[in-house]
Amino acid sequence: MHSILLRWFYVFGLAAVLLVNALAVIHPINGKTVGEISAMFPVGITPAPCAFSIWGLIHPLLIGFVVVQFIPRVRDQEFVRGMGPWFLVSCFFNISWILLW
């Protein structure tokens, strides 16, 4: 039962991450996108804009991880089971940095 519940928490956690990220782009928080806020504070070390294209790979991989949780022979592997609640922790921090930024 615990693993079934955890799998559905993964689905809802990822859905929340994707929703918050999409809303931050579609309807910027306080009228500014994350990129605009970043541009307001020049710092010595800032990644090139193309560096953020990595999210185009990260989001499908996260979706793949959640889908894998529903495939019995894969989800029972030690590496996958070892994720435990850490995936949910990463979802929480992903949402938090968007809202706090």
PDB file of N, CA and C in Angstrom:
ATOM      1  N   MET A   1       0.831  -1.202   0.000  1.00  0.00           N
ATOM      2  CA  MET A   1       0.000   0.000   0.000  1.00  0.00           C
ATOM      3  C   MET A   1       0.869   1.257   0.000  1.00  0.00           C
ATOM      4  N   HIS A   2       1.917   1.245   0.813  1.00  0.00           N
ATOM      5  CA  HIS A   2       2.804   2.407   0.913  1.00  0.00           C
ATOM      6  C   HIS A   2       3.378   2.774  -0.443  1.00  0.00           C
ATOM      7  N   SER A   3       3.815   1.783  -1.227  1.00  0.00           N
ATOM      8  CA  SER A   3       4.431   2.090  -2.519  1.00  0.00           C
ATOM      9  C   SER A   3       3.401   2.612  -3.522  1.00  0.00           C
ATOM     10  N   ILE A   4       2.163   2.132  -3.431  1.00  0.00           N
ATOM     11  CA  ILE A   4       1.123   2.633  -4.333  1.00  0.00           C
ATOM     12  C   ILE A   4       0.858   4.105  -4.037  1.00  0.00           C
ATOM     13  N   LEU A   5       0.738   4.432  -2.781  1.00  0.00           N
ATOM     14  CA  LEU A   5       0.500   5.817  -2.370  1.00  0.00           C
ATOM     15  C   LEU A   5       1.666   6.711  -2.780  1.00  0.00           C
ATOM     16  N   LEU A   6       2.883   6.237  -2.575  1.00  0.00           N
ATOM     17  CA  LEU A   6       4.071   7.004  -2.949  1.00  0.00           C
ATOM     18  C   LEU A   6       4.102   7.273  -4.451  1.00  0.00           C
ATOM     19  N   ARG A   7       3.731   6.259  -5.252  1.00  0.00           N
ATOM     20  CA  ARG A   7       3.695   6.449  -6.707  1.00  0.00           C
ATOM     21  C   ARG A   7       2.733   7.558  -7.099  1.00  0.00           C
ATOM     22  N   TRP A   8       1.579   7.597  -6.476  1.00  0.00           N
ATOM     23  CA  TRP A   8       0.608   8.645  -6.804  1.00  0.00           C
ATOM     24  C   TRP A   8       1.061  10.006  -6.285  1.00  0.00           C
ATOM     25  N   PHE A   9       1.793  10.018  -5.170  1.00  0.00           N
ATOM     26  CA  PHE A   9       2.388  11.283  -4.715  1.00  0.00           C
ATOM     27  C   PHE A   9       3.409  11.778  -5.739  1.00  0.00           C
ATOM     28  N   TYR A  10       4.155  10.853  -6.360  1.00  0.00           N
ATOM     29  CA  TYR A  10       5.086  11.230  -7.422  1.00  0.00           C
ATOM     30  C   TYR A  10       4.340  11.907  -8.566  1.00  0.00           C
ATOM     31  N   VAL A  11       3.204  11.332  -8.971  1.00  0.00           N
ATOM     32  CA  VAL A  11       2.407  11.895 -10.065  1.00  0.00           C
ATOM     33  C   VAL A  11       1.945  13.305  -9.708  1.00  0.00           C
ATOM     34  N   PHE A  12       1.381  13.465  -8.513  1.00  0.00           N
ATOM     35  CA  PHE A  12       0.874  14.775  -8.110  1.00  0.00           C
ATOM     36  C   PHE A  12       2.008  15.779  -7.893  1.00  0.00           C
ATOM     37  N   GLY A  13       3.138  15.313  -7.360  1.00  0.00           N
ATOM     38  CA  GLY A  13       4.289  16.193  -7.170  1.00  0.00           C
ATOM     39  C   GLY A  13       4.819  16.714  -8.493  1.00  0.00           C
ATOM     40  N   LEU A  14       4.960  15.822  -9.472  1.00  0.00           N
ATOM     41  CA  LEU A  14       5.448  16.241 -10.785  1.00  0.00           C
ATOM     42  C   LEU A  14       4.430  17.140 -11.480  1.00  0.00           C
ATOM     43  N   ALA A  15       3.155  16.820 -11.338  1.00  0.00           N
ATOM     44  CA  ALA A  15       2.121  17.670 -11.939  1.00  0.00           C
ATOM     45  C   ALA A  15       2.191  19.083 -11.359  1.00  0.00           C
ATOM     46  N   ALA A  16       2.422  19.182 -10.059  1.00  0.00           N
ATOM     47  CA  ALA A  16       2.547  20.498  -9.417  1.00  0.00           C
ATOM     48  C   ALA A  16       3.771  21.243  -9.943  1.00  0.00           C
ATOM     49  N   VAL A  17       4.889  20.539 -10.096  1.00  0.00           N
ATOM     50  CA  VAL A  17       6.112  21.158 -10.636  1.00  0.00           C
ATOM     51  C   VAL A  17       5.863  21.697 -12.041  1.00  0.00           C
ATOM     52  N   LEU A  18       5.284  20.874 -12.892  1.00  0.00           N
ATOM     53  CA  LEU A  18       5.044  21.295 -14.272  1.00  0.00           C
ATOM     54  C   LEU A  18       4.037  22.437 -14.334  1.00  0.00           C
ATOM     55  N   LEU A  19       3.024  22.396 -13.483  1.00  0.00           N
ATOM     56  CA  LEU A  19       2.022  23.459 -13.455  1.00  0.00           C
ATOM     57  C   LEU A  19       2.634  24.788 -13.016  1.00  0.00           C
ATOM     58  N   VAL A  20       3.401  24.772 -11.931  1.00  0.00           N
ATOM     59  CA  VAL A  20       4.018  26.008 -11.428  1.00  0.00           C
ATOM     60  C   VAL A  20       5.008  26.560 -12.445  1.00  0.00           C
ATOM     61  N   ASN A  21       5.804  25.687 -13.059  1.00  0.00           N
ATOM     62  CA  ASN A  21       6.753  26.148 -14.080  1.00  0.00           C
ATOM     63  C   ASN A  21       6.024  26.740 -15.272  1.00  0.00           C
ATOM     64  N   ALA A  22       4.954  26.097 -15.714  1.00  0.00           N
ATOM     65  CA  ALA A  22       4.193  26.605 -16.855  1.00  0.00           C
ATOM     66  C   ALA A  22       3.530  27.935 -16.513  1.00  0.00           C
ATOM     67  N   LEU A  23       2.936  28.022 -15.332  1.00  0.00           N
ATOM     68  CA  LEU A  23       2.277  29.263 -14.937  1.00  0.00           C
ATOM     69  C   LEU A  23       3.271  30.412 -14.798  1.00  0.00           C
ATOM     70  N   ALA A  24       4.494  30.109 -14.355  1.00  0.00           N
ATOM     71  CA  ALA A  24       5.516  31.153 -14.223  1.00  0.00           C
ATOM     72  C   ALA A  24       5.899  31.720 -15.583  1.00  0.00           C
ATOM     73  N   VAL A  25       5.729  30.936 -16.635  1.00  0.00           N
ATOM     74  CA  VAL A  25       6.025  31.402 -17.987  1.00  0.00           C
ATOM     75  C   VAL A  25       4.794  32.059 -18.610  1.00  0.00           C
ATOM     76  N   ILE A  26       3.636  31.386 -18.488  1.00  0.00           N
ATOM     77  CA  ILE A  26       2.404  31.880 -19.112  1.00  0.00           C
ATOM     78  C   ILE A  26       1.873  33.129 -18.422  1.00  0.00           C
ATOM     79  N   HIS A  27       1.861  33.092 -17.111  1.00  0.00           N
ATOM     80  CA  HIS A  27       1.350  34.221 -16.319  1.00  0.00           C
ATOM     81  C   HIS A  27       2.415  34.557 -15.265  1.00  0.00           C
ATOM     82  N   PRO A  28       3.410  35.360 -15.632  1.00  0.00           N
ATOM     83  CA  PRO A  28       4.535  35.635 -14.725  1.00  0.00           C
ATOM     84  C   PRO A  28       4.075  36.128 -13.348  1.00  0.00           C
ATOM     85  N   ILE A  29       4.724  35.618 -12.335  1.00  0.00           N
ATOM     86  CA  ILE A  29       4.430  35.989 -10.960  1.00  0.00           C
ATOM     87  C   ILE A  29       4.835  37.445 -10.760  1.00  0.00           C
ATOM     88  N   ASN A  30       3.932  38.257 -10.253  1.00  0.00           N
ATOM     89  CA  ASN A  30       4.150  39.695 -10.059  1.00  0.00           C
ATOM     90  C   ASN A  30       4.546  40.396 -11.364  1.00  0.00           C
ATOM     91  N   GLY A  31       4.122  39.848 -12.497  1.00  0.00           N
ATOM     92  CA  GLY A  31       4.348  40.501 -13.781  1.00  0.00           C
ATOM     93  C   GLY A  31       5.735  40.350 -14.367  1.00  0.00           C
ATOM     94  N   LYS A  32       6.600  39.554 -13.749  1.00  0.00           N
ATOM     95  CA  LYS A  32       7.962  39.378 -14.264  1.00  0.00           C
ATOM     96  C   LYS A  32       8.283  37.896 -14.397  1.00  0.00           C
ATOM     97  N   THR A  33       8.924  37.551 -15.510  1.00  0.00           N
ATOM     98  CA  THR A  33       9.361  36.174 -15.696  1.00  0.00           C
ATOM     99  C   THR A  33      10.623  35.935 -14.864  1.00  0.00           C
ATOM    100  N   VAL A  34      10.972  34.680 -14.712  1.00  0.00           N
ATOM    101  CA  VAL A  34      12.192  34.336 -13.975  1.00  0.00           C
ATOM    102  C   VAL A  34      13.404  34.963 -14.660  1.00  0.00           C
ATOM    103  N   GLY A  35      13.419  34.960 -15.999  1.00  0.00           N
ATOM    104  CA  GLY A  35      14.524  35.563 -16.747  1.00  0.00           C
ATOM    105  C   GLY A  35      14.631  37.059 -16.510  1.00  0.00           C
ATOM    106  N   GLU A  36      13.502  37.745 -16.451  1.00  0.00           N
ATOM    107  CA  GLU A  36      13.503  39.190 -16.206  1.00  0.00           C
ATOM    108  C   GLU A  36      14.001  39.506 -14.796  1.00  0.00           C
ATOM    109  N   ILE A  37      13.603  38.706 -13.851  1.00  0.00           N
ATOM    110  CA  ILE A  37      14.076  38.920 -12.472  1.00  0.00           C
ATOM    111  C   ILE A  37      15.576  38.681 -12.400  1.00  0.00           C
ATOM    112  N   SER A  38      16.038  37.645 -13.061  1.00  0.00           N
ATOM    113  CA  SER A  38      17.471  37.350 -13.075  1.00  0.00           C
ATOM    114  C   SER A  38      18.262  38.490 -13.704  1.00  0.00           C
ATOM    115  N   ALA A  39      17.736  39.082 -14.772  1.00  0.00           N
ATOM    116  CA  ALA A  39      18.421  40.180 -15.461  1.00  0.00           C
ATOM    117  C   ALA A  39      18.489  41.446 -14.606  1.00  0.00           C
ATOM    118  N   MET A  40      17.600  41.563 -13.615  1.00  0.00           N
ATOM    119  CA  MET A  40      17.598  42.748 -12.743  1.00  0.00           C
ATOM    120  C   MET A  40      18.796  42.757 -11.788  1.00  0.00           C
ATOM    121  N   PHE A  41      19.379  41.586 -11.545  1.00  0.00           N
ATOM    122  CA  PHE A  41      20.456  41.469 -10.569  1.00  0.00           C
ATOM    123  C   PHE A  41      21.710  40.928 -11.225  1.00  0.00           C
ATOM    124  N   PRO A  42      22.521  41.802 -11.816  1.00  0.00           N
ATOM    125  CA  PRO A  42      23.734  41.313 -12.473  1.00  0.00           C
ATOM    126  C   PRO A  42      24.722  40.733 -11.448  1.00  0.00           C
ATOM    127  N   VAL A  43      25.197  39.560 -11.748  1.00  0.00           N
ATOM    128  CA  VAL A  43      26.187  38.905 -10.894  1.00  0.00           C
ATOM    129  C   VAL A  43      27.355  38.467 -11.765  1.00  0.00           C
ATOM    130  N   GLY A  44      28.453  38.140 -11.131  1.00  0.00           N
ATOM    131  CA  GLY A  44      29.664  37.765 -11.860  1.00  0.00           C
ATOM    132  C   GLY A  44      29.551  36.448 -12.598  1.00  0.00           C
ATOM    133  N   ILE A  45      28.748  35.549 -12.086  1.00  0.00           N
ATOM    134  CA  ILE A  45      28.623  34.226 -12.709  1.00  0.00           C
ATOM    135  C   ILE A  45      27.158  33.997 -13.046  1.00  0.00           C
ATOM    136  N   THR A  46      26.852  34.089 -14.320  1.00  0.00           N
ATOM    137  CA  THR A  46      25.494  33.850 -14.796  1.00  0.00           C
ATOM    138  C   THR A  46      25.570  32.921 -15.994  1.00  0.00           C
ATOM    139  N   PRO A  47      24.794  31.848 -15.989  1.00  0.00           N
ATOM    140  CA  PRO A  47      24.834  30.944 -17.139  1.00  0.00           C
ATOM    141  C   PRO A  47      24.303  31.628 -18.395  1.00  0.00           C
ATOM    142  N   ALA A  48      24.800  31.200 -19.515  1.00  0.00           N
ATOM    143  CA  ALA A  48      24.293  31.700 -20.792  1.00  0.00           C
ATOM    144  C   ALA A  48      22.828  31.289 -20.923  1.00  0.00           C
ATOM    145  N   PRO A  49      22.026  32.087 -21.602  1.00  0.00           N
ATOM    146  CA  PRO A  49      20.605  31.748 -21.762  1.00  0.00           C
ATOM    147  C   PRO A  49      20.364  30.349 -22.330  1.00  0.00           C
ATOM    148  N   CYS A  50      21.248  29.904 -23.217  1.00  0.00           N
ATOM    149  CA  CYS A  50      21.062  28.571 -23.801  1.00  0.00           C
ATOM    150  C   CYS A  50      21.234  27.455 -22.757  1.00  0.00           C
ATOM    151  N   ALA A  51      21.877  27.762 -21.630  1.00  0.00           N
ATOM    152  CA  ALA A  51      22.063  26.752 -20.587  1.00  0.00           C
ATOM    153  C   ALA A  51      20.728  26.306 -20.002  1.00  0.00           C
ATOM    154  N   PHE A  52      19.735  27.175 -20.061  1.00  0.00           N
ATOM    155  CA  PHE A  52      18.436  26.846 -19.496  1.00  0.00           C
ATOM    156  C   PHE A  52      17.620  25.927 -20.399  1.00  0.00           C
ATOM    157  N   SER A  53      18.111  25.701 -21.598  1.00  0.00           N
ATOM    158  CA  SER A  53      17.420  24.769 -22.497  1.00  0.00           C
ATOM    159  C   SER A  53      17.498  23.338 -21.964  1.00  0.00           C
ATOM    160  N   ILE A  54      18.362  23.090 -20.991  1.00  0.00           N
ATOM    161  CA  ILE A  54      18.476  21.764 -20.398  1.00  0.00           C
ATOM    162  C   ILE A  54      17.147  21.314 -19.794  1.00  0.00           C
ATOM    163  N   TRP A  55      16.299  22.279 -19.415  1.00  0.00           N
ATOM    164  CA  TRP A  55      14.992  21.919 -18.851  1.00  0.00           C
ATOM    165  C   TRP A  55      14.128  21.212 -19.884  1.00  0.00           C
ATOM    166  N   GLY A  56      14.405  21.435 -21.166  1.00  0.00           N
ATOM    167  CA  GLY A  56      13.709  20.708 -22.222  1.00  0.00           C
ATOM    168  C   GLY A  56      14.021  19.224 -22.196  1.00  0.00           C
ATOM    169  N   LEU A  57      15.120  18.847 -21.592  1.00  0.00           N
ATOM    170  CA  LEU A  57      15.485  17.449 -21.399  1.00  0.00           C
ATOM    171  C   LEU A  57      15.073  16.958 -20.018  1.00  0.00           C
ATOM    172  N   ILE A  58      15.233  17.803 -19.017  1.00  0.00           N
ATOM    173  CA  ILE A  58      14.940  17.405 -17.638  1.00  0.00           C
ATOM    174  C   ILE A  58      13.467  17.056 -17.452  1.00  0.00           C
ATOM    175  N   HIS A  59      12.564  17.888 -17.956  1.00  0.00           N
ATOM    176  CA  HIS A  59      11.137  17.620 -17.754  1.00  0.00           C
ATOM    177  C   HIS A  59      10.690  16.284 -18.357  1.00  0.00           C
ATOM    178  N   PRO A  60      11.071  15.940 -19.591  1.00  0.00           N
ATOM    179  CA  PRO A  60      10.693  14.606 -20.096  1.00  0.00           C
ATOM    180  C   PRO A  60      11.309  13.464 -19.284  1.00  0.00           C
ATOM    181  N   LEU A  61      12.525  13.659 -18.780  1.00  0.00           N
ATOM    182  CA  LEU A  61      13.130  12.613 -17.951  1.00  0.00           C
ATOM    183  C   LEU A  61      12.380  12.450 -16.630  1.00  0.00           C
ATOM    184  N   LEU A  62      11.930  13.545 -16.048  1.00  0.00           N
ATOM    185  CA  LEU A  62      11.123  13.456 -14.830  1.00  0.00           C
ATOM    186  C   LEU A  62       9.801  12.739 -15.100  1.00  0.00           C
ATOM    187  N   ILE A  63       9.190  13.048 -16.223  1.00  0.00           N
ATOM    188  CA  ILE A  63       7.950  12.362 -16.605  1.00  0.00           C
ATOM    189  C   ILE A  63       8.232  10.871 -16.783  1.00  0.00           C
ATOM    190  N   GLY A  64       9.345  10.550 -17.423  1.00  0.00           N
ATOM    191  CA  GLY A  64       9.734   9.149 -17.589  1.00  0.00           C
ATOM    192  C   GLY A  64       9.918   8.443 -16.266  1.00  0.00           C
ATOM    193  N   PHE A  65      10.527   9.102 -15.295  1.00  0.00           N
ATOM    194  CA  PHE A  65      10.719   8.508 -13.976  1.00  0.00           C
ATOM    195  C   PHE A  65       9.383   8.177 -13.335  1.00  0.00           C
ATOM    196  N   VAL A  66       8.422   9.088 -13.442  1.00  0.00           N
ATOM    197  CA  VAL A  66       7.109   8.850 -12.842  1.00  0.00           C
ATOM    198  C   VAL A  66       6.397   7.705 -13.572  1.00  0.00           C
ATOM    199  N   VAL A  67       6.494   7.653 -14.893  1.00  0.00           N
ATOM    200  CA  VAL A  67       5.871   6.567 -15.649  1.00  0.00           C
ATOM    201  C   VAL A  67       6.473   5.229 -15.256  1.00  0.00           C
ATOM    202  N   VAL A  68       7.792   5.192 -15.068  1.00  0.00           N
ATOM    203  CA  VAL A  68       8.492   3.961 -14.693  1.00  0.00           C
ATOM    204  C   VAL A  68       7.963   3.403 -13.366  1.00  0.00           C
ATOM    205  N   GLN A  69       7.453   4.258 -12.520  1.00  0.00           N
ATOM    206  CA  GLN A  69       6.934   3.806 -11.225  1.00  0.00           C
ATOM    207  C   GLN A  69       5.731   2.869 -11.375  1.00  0.00           C
ATOM    208  N   PHE A  70       5.118   2.852 -12.543  1.00  0.00           N
ATOM    209  CA  PHE A  70       3.953   2.007 -12.779  1.00  0.00           C
ATOM    210  C   PHE A  70       4.285   0.762 -13.605  1.00  0.00           C
ATOM    211  N   ILE A  71       5.577   0.521 -13.841  1.00  0.00           N
ATOM    212  CA  ILE A  71       6.027  -0.678 -14.562  1.00  0.00           C
ATOM    213  C   ILE A  71       6.691  -1.594 -13.529  1.00  0.00           C
ATOM    214  N   PRO A  72       6.024  -2.696 -13.143  1.00  0.00           N
ATOM    215  CA  PRO A  72       6.508  -3.521 -12.032  1.00  0.00           C
ATOM    216  C   PRO A  72       7.959  -3.983 -12.123  1.00  0.00           C
ATOM    217  N   ARG A  73       8.401  -4.471 -13.267  1.00  0.00           N
ATOM    218  CA  ARG A  73       9.772  -5.016 -13.308  1.00  0.00           C
ATOM    219  C   ARG A  73      10.830  -3.928 -13.185  1.00  0.00           C
ATOM    220  N   VAL A  74      10.483  -2.694 -13.513  1.00  0.00           N
ATOM    221  CA  VAL A  74      11.446  -1.599 -13.424  1.00  0.00           C
ATOM    222  C   VAL A  74      11.390  -0.950 -12.048  1.00  0.00           C
ATOM    223  N   ARG A  75      10.183  -0.691 -11.549  1.00  0.00           N
ATOM    224  CA  ARG A  75      10.045   0.007 -10.270  1.00  0.00           C
ATOM    225  C   ARG A  75      10.605  -0.786  -9.102  1.00  0.00           C
ATOM    226  N   ASP A  76      10.740  -2.105  -9.255  1.00  0.00           N
ATOM    227  CA  ASP A  76      11.249  -2.933  -8.163  1.00  0.00           C
ATOM    228  C   ASP A  76      12.768  -2.991  -8.121  1.00  0.00           C
ATOM    229  N   GLN A  77      13.442  -2.342  -9.071  1.00  0.00           N
ATOM    230  CA  GLN A  77      14.899  -2.310  -9.040  1.00  0.00           C
ATOM    231  C   GLN A  77      15.360  -1.456  -7.860  1.00  0.00           C
ATOM    232  N   GLU A  78      16.461  -1.840  -7.265  1.00  0.00           N
ATOM    233  CA  GLU A  78      16.964  -1.171  -6.056  1.00  0.00           C
ATOM    234  C   GLU A  78      17.167   0.327  -6.263  1.00  0.00           C
ATOM    235  N   PHE A  79      17.711   0.710  -7.400  1.00  0.00           N
ATOM    236  CA  PHE A  79      17.971   2.118  -7.659  1.00  0.00           C
ATOM    237  C   PHE A  79      16.682   2.922  -7.656  1.00  0.00           C
ATOM    238  N   VAL A  80      15.661   2.403  -8.304  1.00  0.00           N
ATOM    239  CA  VAL A  80      14.384   3.111  -8.396  1.00  0.00           C
ATOM    240  C   VAL A  80      13.714   3.154  -7.023  1.00  0.00           C
ATOM    241  N   ARG A  81      13.702   2.035  -6.316  1.00  0.00           N
ATOM    242  CA  ARG A  81      13.091   2.012  -4.977  1.00  0.00           C
ATOM    243  C   ARG A  81      13.856   2.896  -3.999  1.00  0.00           C
ATOM    244  N   GLY A  82      15.155   3.059  -4.245  1.00  0.00           N
ATOM    245  CA  GLY A  82      15.984   3.875  -3.366  1.00  0.00           C
ATOM    246  C   GLY A  82      15.659   5.356  -3.402  1.00  0.00           C
ATOM    247  N   MET A  83      14.909   5.770  -4.408  1.00  0.00           N
ATOM    248  CA  MET A  83      14.529   7.184  -4.499  1.00  0.00           C
ATOM    249  C   MET A  83      13.653   7.592  -3.319  1.00  0.00           C
ATOM    250  N   GLY A  84      12.794   6.657  -2.888  1.00  0.00           N
ATOM    251  CA  GLY A  84      11.919   6.941  -1.754  1.00  0.00           C
ATOM    252  C   GLY A  84      11.268   8.303  -1.865  1.00  0.00           C
ATOM    253  N   PRO A  85      11.272   9.060  -0.798  1.00  0.00           N
ATOM    254  CA  PRO A  85      10.628  10.377  -0.821  1.00  0.00           C
ATOM    255  C   PRO A  85      11.500  11.471  -1.444  1.00  0.00           C
ATOM    256  N   TRP A  86      12.717  11.151  -1.858  1.00  0.00           N
ATOM    257  CA  TRP A  86      13.622  12.191  -2.367  1.00  0.00           C
ATOM    258  C   TRP A  86      13.097  12.871  -3.627  1.00  0.00           C
ATOM    259  N   PHE A  87      12.356  12.139  -4.432  1.00  0.00           N
ATOM    260  CA  PHE A  87      11.770  12.757  -5.622  1.00  0.00           C
ATOM    261  C   PHE A  87      10.777  13.840  -5.202  1.00  0.00           C
ATOM    262  N   LEU A  88       9.996  13.560  -4.173  1.00  0.00           N
ATOM    263  CA  LEU A  88       9.033  14.552  -3.680  1.00  0.00           C
ATOM    264  C   LEU A  88       9.743  15.757  -3.078  1.00  0.00           C
ATOM    265  N   VAL A  89      10.857  15.527  -2.426  1.00  0.00           N
ATOM    266  CA  VAL A  89      11.654  16.634  -1.879  1.00  0.00           C
ATOM    267  C   VAL A  89      12.136  17.524  -3.023  1.00  0.00           C
ATOM    268  N   SER A  90      12.588  16.903  -4.118  1.00  0.00           N
ATOM    269  CA  SER A  90      13.056  17.697  -5.262  1.00  0.00           C
ATOM    270  C   SER A  90      11.896  18.486  -5.878  1.00  0.00           C
ATOM    271  N   CYS A  91      10.707  17.892  -5.912  1.00  0.00           N
ATOM    272  CA  CYS A  91       9.527  18.612  -6.426  1.00  0.00           C
ATOM    273  C   CYS A  91       9.234  19.830  -5.560  1.00  0.00           C
ATOM    274  N   PHE A  92       9.305  19.648  -4.251  1.00  0.00           N
ATOM    275  CA  PHE A  92       9.055  20.751  -3.319  1.00  0.00           C
ATOM    276  C   PHE A  92      10.040  21.890  -3.558  1.00  0.00           C
ATOM    277  N   PHE A  93      11.317  21.569  -3.678  1.00  0.00           N
ATOM    278  CA  PHE A  93      12.327  22.615  -3.872  1.00  0.00           C
ATOM    279  C   PHE A  93      12.214  23.269  -5.255  1.00  0.00           C
ATOM    280  N   ASN A  94      11.829  22.498  -6.256  1.00  0.00           N
ATOM    281  CA  ASN A  94      11.645  23.061  -7.586  1.00  0.00           C
ATOM    282  C   ASN A  94      10.528  24.096  -7.571  1.00  0.00           C
ATOM    283  N   ILE A  95       9.430  23.784  -6.918  1.00  0.00           N
ATOM    284  CA  ILE A  95       8.316  24.735  -6.798  1.00  0.00           C
ATOM    285  C   ILE A  95       8.719  25.926  -5.932  1.00  0.00           C
ATOM    286  N   SER A  96       9.402  25.655  -4.844  1.00  0.00           N
ATOM    287  CA  SER A  96       9.779  26.718  -3.897  1.00  0.00           C
ATOM    288  C   SER A  96      10.678  27.765  -4.533  1.00  0.00           C
ATOM    289  N   TRP A  97      11.656  27.329  -5.316  1.00  0.00           N
ATOM    290  CA  TRP A  97      12.577  28.339  -5.862  1.00  0.00           C
ATOM    291  C   TRP A  97      11.852  29.240  -6.848  1.00  0.00           C
ATOM    292  N   ILE A  98      10.879  28.701  -7.597  1.00  0.00           N
ATOM    293  CA  ILE A  98      10.120  29.548  -8.531  1.00  0.00           C
ATOM    294  C   ILE A  98       9.318  30.583  -7.744  1.00  0.00           C
ATOM    295  N   LEU A  99       8.656  30.170  -6.696  1.00  0.00           N
ATOM    296  CA  LEU A  99       7.811  31.077  -5.916  1.00  0.00           C
ATOM    297  C   LEU A  99       8.628  32.099  -5.120  1.00  0.00           C
ATOM    298  N   LEU A 100       9.788  31.666  -4.625  1.00  0.00           N
ATOM    299  CA  LEU A 100      10.611  32.569  -3.824  1.00  0.00           C
ATOM    300  C   LEU A 100      11.460  33.493  -4.689  1.00  0.00           C
ATOM    301  N   TRP A 101      11.780  33.074  -5.871  1.00  0.00           N
ATOM    302  CA  TRP A 101      12.631  33.871  -6.743  1.00  0.00           C
ATOM    303  C   TRP A 101      11.917  35.130  -7.147  1.00  0.00           C
TER     304      TRP A 101
END
